[in-house]
Protein backbone atom coordinates (compact mmCIF):
# COMPACT_ATOMS: atom_id res chain seq x y z
CA MET A 1 26.21 -6.71 14.70
CA MET A 2 23.30 -8.91 13.63
CA ASN A 3 20.42 -9.02 16.11
CA GLU A 4 18.63 -12.13 17.30
CA GLN A 5 15.66 -11.67 14.97
CA TRP A 6 17.83 -11.66 11.86
CA ARG A 7 20.24 -14.44 12.78
CA PRO A 8 17.99 -17.48 12.08
CA TYR A 9 16.79 -15.95 8.80
CA TRP A 10 20.31 -15.17 7.67
CA ARG A 11 21.35 -18.76 8.30
CA ASN A 12 18.61 -19.91 5.94
CA LYS A 13 19.98 -20.26 2.40
CA LEU A 14 16.53 -19.89 0.80
CA PHE A 15 15.97 -16.58 2.60
CA ARG A 16 19.38 -15.27 1.56
CA ASN A 17 18.75 -16.27 -2.06
CA LYS A 18 15.33 -14.60 -2.17
CA LEU A 19 16.71 -11.46 -0.54
CA ALA A 20 19.66 -11.27 -2.94
CA LEU A 21 17.48 -11.92 -6.00
CA GLY A 22 14.96 -9.34 -4.85
CA ILE A 23 17.66 -6.69 -4.43
CA LEU A 24 19.16 -7.54 -7.83
CA ILE A 25 15.79 -7.22 -9.58
CA LEU A 26 15.07 -3.93 -7.81
CA VAL A 27 18.41 -2.50 -8.93
CA LEU A 28 17.78 -3.62 -12.52
CA LEU A 29 14.29 -2.10 -12.50
CA VAL A 30 15.56 1.23 -11.18
CA ALA A 31 18.26 1.25 -13.87
CA PHE A 32 15.64 0.49 -16.54
CA LEU A 33 13.17 3.20 -15.49
CA PRO A 34 14.89 6.24 -17.09
CA TYR A 35 14.86 4.54 -20.51
CA TYR A 36 11.30 3.36 -20.10
CA PHE A 37 9.97 6.75 -19.03
CA ALA A 38 11.78 8.43 -21.93
CA PHE A 39 9.89 6.06 -24.26
CA ILE A 40 6.58 6.75 -22.49
CA GLU A 41 7.03 10.53 -22.67
CA ALA A 42 7.73 10.39 -26.41
CA ARG A 43 4.54 8.56 -27.41
CA ARG A 44 1.06 9.93 -27.90
CA GLY A 45 -1.71 9.08 -25.50
CA ILE A 46 -5.34 9.89 -24.80
CA GLN A 47 -6.40 12.79 -22.62
CA LEU A 48 -9.44 11.84 -20.58
CA ASN A 49 -12.33 14.09 -19.67
CA ASP A 50 -12.26 13.58 -15.91
CA ILE A 51 -15.43 14.93 -14.33
CA VAL A 52 -13.83 14.92 -10.87
CA LEU A 53 -10.78 16.95 -11.94
CA ASN A 54 -13.10 19.36 -13.75
CA TYR A 55 -14.34 20.47 -10.32
CA ILE A 56 -10.89 20.72 -8.71
CA ASP A 57 -8.67 23.76 -9.19
CA SER A 58 -5.10 22.49 -9.56
CA ALA A 59 -2.56 23.52 -6.92
CA ASN A 60 1.01 22.65 -6.01
CA VAL A 61 0.93 20.28 -3.05
CA SER A 62 4.26 18.55 -3.72
CA ILE A 63 5.68 19.28 -0.26
CA PRO A 64 2.89 17.68 1.83
CA THR A 65 2.64 14.82 -0.67
CA PHE A 66 6.26 13.78 -0.26
CA ILE A 67 6.42 14.52 3.43
CA ILE A 68 3.67 11.91 3.86
CA ILE A 69 5.21 9.38 1.44
CA TRP A 70 8.76 9.47 2.78
CA SER A 71 7.74 9.78 6.44
CA LEU A 72 5.52 6.70 6.22
CA SER A 73 8.12 4.80 4.18
CA LEU A 74 10.78 5.46 6.83
CA TRP A 75 8.28 4.56 9.53
CA TYR A 76 7.64 1.24 7.79
CA LEU A 77 11.37 0.52 7.76
CA TYR A 78 11.51 1.34 11.47
CA LYS A 79 8.58 -0.96 12.24
CA SER A 80 10.05 -3.80 10.16
CA ALA A 81 13.73 -3.43 11.13
CA ASN A 82 13.51 -6.43 13.45
CA ASP A 83 11.19 -8.42 11.18
CA PRO A 84 13.17 -9.87 8.25
CA ALA A 85 10.02 -11.33 6.69
CA LEU A 86 8.49 -7.84 6.40
CA ILE A 87 11.65 -6.52 4.76
CA LEU A 88 11.57 -9.38 2.27
CA LEU A 89 7.86 -8.89 1.64
CA ILE A 90 8.04 -5.19 0.82
CA LEU A 91 11.17 -5.74 -1.29
CA TRP A 92 9.31 -8.18 -3.53
CA GLY A 93 6.14 -6.09 -3.24
CA LEU A 94 8.00 -3.12 -4.74
CA ASN A 95 9.40 -5.32 -7.51
CA VAL A 96 5.95 -6.59 -8.46
CA LEU A 97 4.57 -3.04 -8.16
CA PHE A 98 7.20 -1.65 -10.53
CA ILE A 99 6.67 -4.43 -13.05
CA SER A 100 2.88 -4.03 -12.82
CA ARG A 101 3.14 -0.31 -13.52
CA ILE A 102 5.53 -0.83 -16.41
CA ILE A 103 2.95 -3.13 -17.99
CA SER A 104 -0.16 -1.07 -17.13
CA ILE A 105 1.38 2.22 -18.31
CA TYR A 106 2.31 0.57 -21.59
CA LEU A 107 -1.15 -0.93 -22.10
CA VAL A 108 -3.00 2.28 -21.14
CA PRO A 109 -1.31 5.17 -23.02
CA LEU A 110 -2.56 8.43 -21.54
CA ASP A 111 -1.65 12.07 -21.91
CA PRO A 112 -1.61 14.06 -18.65
CA PRO A 113 -4.68 15.90 -17.34
CA LYS A 114 -5.27 19.54 -18.13
CA ASP A 115 -3.84 22.10 -15.69
CA LEU A 116 -1.23 19.65 -14.42
CA VAL A 117 1.17 21.17 -11.90
CA GLU A 118 4.67 19.70 -11.83
CA LEU A 119 5.11 17.24 -8.97
CA ILE A 120 8.66 17.54 -7.66
CA ASP A 121 10.30 14.84 -5.56
CA PRO A 122 14.04 15.49 -5.07
CA ILE A 123 14.68 11.78 -4.46
CA THR A 124 12.72 9.72 -7.01
CA ASN A 125 13.04 12.25 -9.83
CA ARG A 126 16.75 11.43 -9.89
CA PHE A 127 15.88 8.00 -11.32
CA TYR A 128 13.52 9.21 -14.02
CA GLY A 129 16.14 10.51 -16.44
CA ALA A 130 14.08 13.66 -17.00
CA LYS A 131 13.04 16.72 -15.04
CA PHE A 132 9.46 15.57 -14.68
CA ILE A 133 7.50 12.62 -16.02
CA THR A 134 3.90 13.33 -16.99
CA LYS A 135 2.69 10.14 -18.66
CA ASP A 136 3.31 7.48 -15.99
CA LEU A 137 -0.37 7.65 -15.20
CA PHE A 138 -2.20 4.34 -14.90
CA PHE A 139 -1.98 3.60 -12.05
CA SER A 140 -0.74 6.06 -9.40
CA GLY A 141 2.57 4.74 -8.09
CA HIS A 142 2.73 7.18 -5.18
CA THR A 143 -0.65 6.09 -3.88
CA ALA A 144 -0.13 2.40 -4.60
CA THR A 145 3.20 2.34 -2.76
CA LEU A 146 1.57 3.40 0.49
CA VAL A 147 -1.31 0.97 0.01
CA CYS A 148 1.25 -1.82 -0.51
CA LEU A 149 3.07 -0.78 2.67
CA SER A 150 -0.17 -0.86 4.63
CA LEU A 151 -1.01 -4.36 3.40
CA CYS A 152 2.39 -5.65 4.48
CA LEU A 153 2.22 -4.45 8.09
CA ARG A 154 1.09 -6.92 10.73
CA LYS A 155 -0.84 -4.71 13.18
CA ARG A 156 -4.20 -3.30 12.12
CA LYS A 157 -3.45 0.06 13.75
CA ASP A 158 -0.25 0.37 11.72
CA GLN A 159 -2.10 -0.65 8.56
CA LEU A 160 -4.75 2.01 9.10
CA ILE A 161 -2.14 4.73 9.69
CA VAL A 162 -0.35 4.01 6.41
CA LEU A 163 -3.60 3.45 4.49
CA THR A 164 -4.85 6.83 5.70
CA GLY A 165 -1.65 8.35 4.36
CA GLY A 166 -2.33 6.61 1.04
CA ILE A 167 -5.84 8.09 0.90
CA ILE A 168 -4.49 11.58 1.58
CA VAL A 169 -1.79 11.20 -1.07
CA GLY A 170 -4.43 9.97 -3.54
CA ILE A 171 -6.41 13.14 -2.92
CA LEU A 172 -3.32 15.35 -3.19
CA VAL A 173 -2.23 13.98 -6.59
CA LEU A 174 -5.74 14.76 -7.83
CA VAL A 175 -5.50 18.28 -6.45
CA GLN A 176 -2.24 18.68 -8.36
CA HIS A 177 -3.81 17.17 -11.51
CA VAL A 178 -0.89 14.75 -12.00
CA HIS A 179 -3.28 11.78 -12.17
CA TYR A 180 -6.78 11.00 -13.33
CA THR A 181 -9.38 9.74 -10.88
CA ILE A 182 -9.20 6.25 -12.40
CA ASP A 183 -5.44 6.18 -11.72
CA VAL A 184 -6.01 6.76 -8.02
CA ILE A 185 -8.92 4.32 -7.74
CA ALA A 186 -6.83 1.61 -9.43
CA ALA A 187 -4.02 2.33 -6.96
CA PHE A 188 -6.24 0.96 -4.19
CA VAL A 189 -7.13 -2.18 -6.16
CA PHE A 190 -3.87 -3.37 -7.71
CA PRO A 191 -1.90 -3.58 -4.43
CA TYR A 192 -4.13 -6.39 -3.10
CA PHE A 193 -3.03 -8.57 -6.01
CA ILE A 194 0.54 -7.26 -5.93
CA ILE A 195 1.06 -8.19 -2.28
CA LYS A 196 -0.61 -11.58 -2.80
CA ILE A 197 1.89 -12.31 -5.56
CA ALA A 198 4.75 -11.07 -3.39
CA ARG A 199 3.66 -13.35 -0.54
CA ARG A 200 3.70 -16.33 -2.89
CA ILE A 201 7.18 -15.42 -4.09
CA ILE A 202 8.67 -15.14 -0.61
CA ALA A 203 6.96 -18.27 0.78
CA PRO A 204 7.54 -19.73 3.32
CA PHE A 205 8.76 -16.45 4.86
CA ASN A 206 5.39 -14.73 4.91
């Protein structure tokens, strides 16, 4: 049964249209990803000499990485369950994030860092169309997702909790050598523009 917070939004045709379009685009993007990543994996890129990674011994930290990502993602859904505008915002935020990464990965062809350790996520790897993708590098999607979530939340305390998780994940993907330092740094910059674009798209529901 629809709660009181959702009822006025659901009666608004513009909200319903933006929600439906956002879901449709997200589904199309997820369907496109396996083909795109297959193309990315097949092309040659540049391997960077990362002075930060040179001082970090690679290690498998997949479990803590995805515990943080999925726990904070579920927590965001819990916090926004009664706030339709937040649901709409992160839906379009993810769409813009995916499109931004598709473009940036294409424009910045990179080969993976040395001593990379396979990062295994039993959920998202199902959409990649391969066992493990190594060349979706610039910029870090795992880190950027949490930064986007933090920017969407309304309370500063909630923002800081998720942003802290994003910082930790950024460090962990460096420890695992699945990203270059520049990939992680960019993951804290791009989301500010991504969420601004998303807010414009969902106006006036922001």
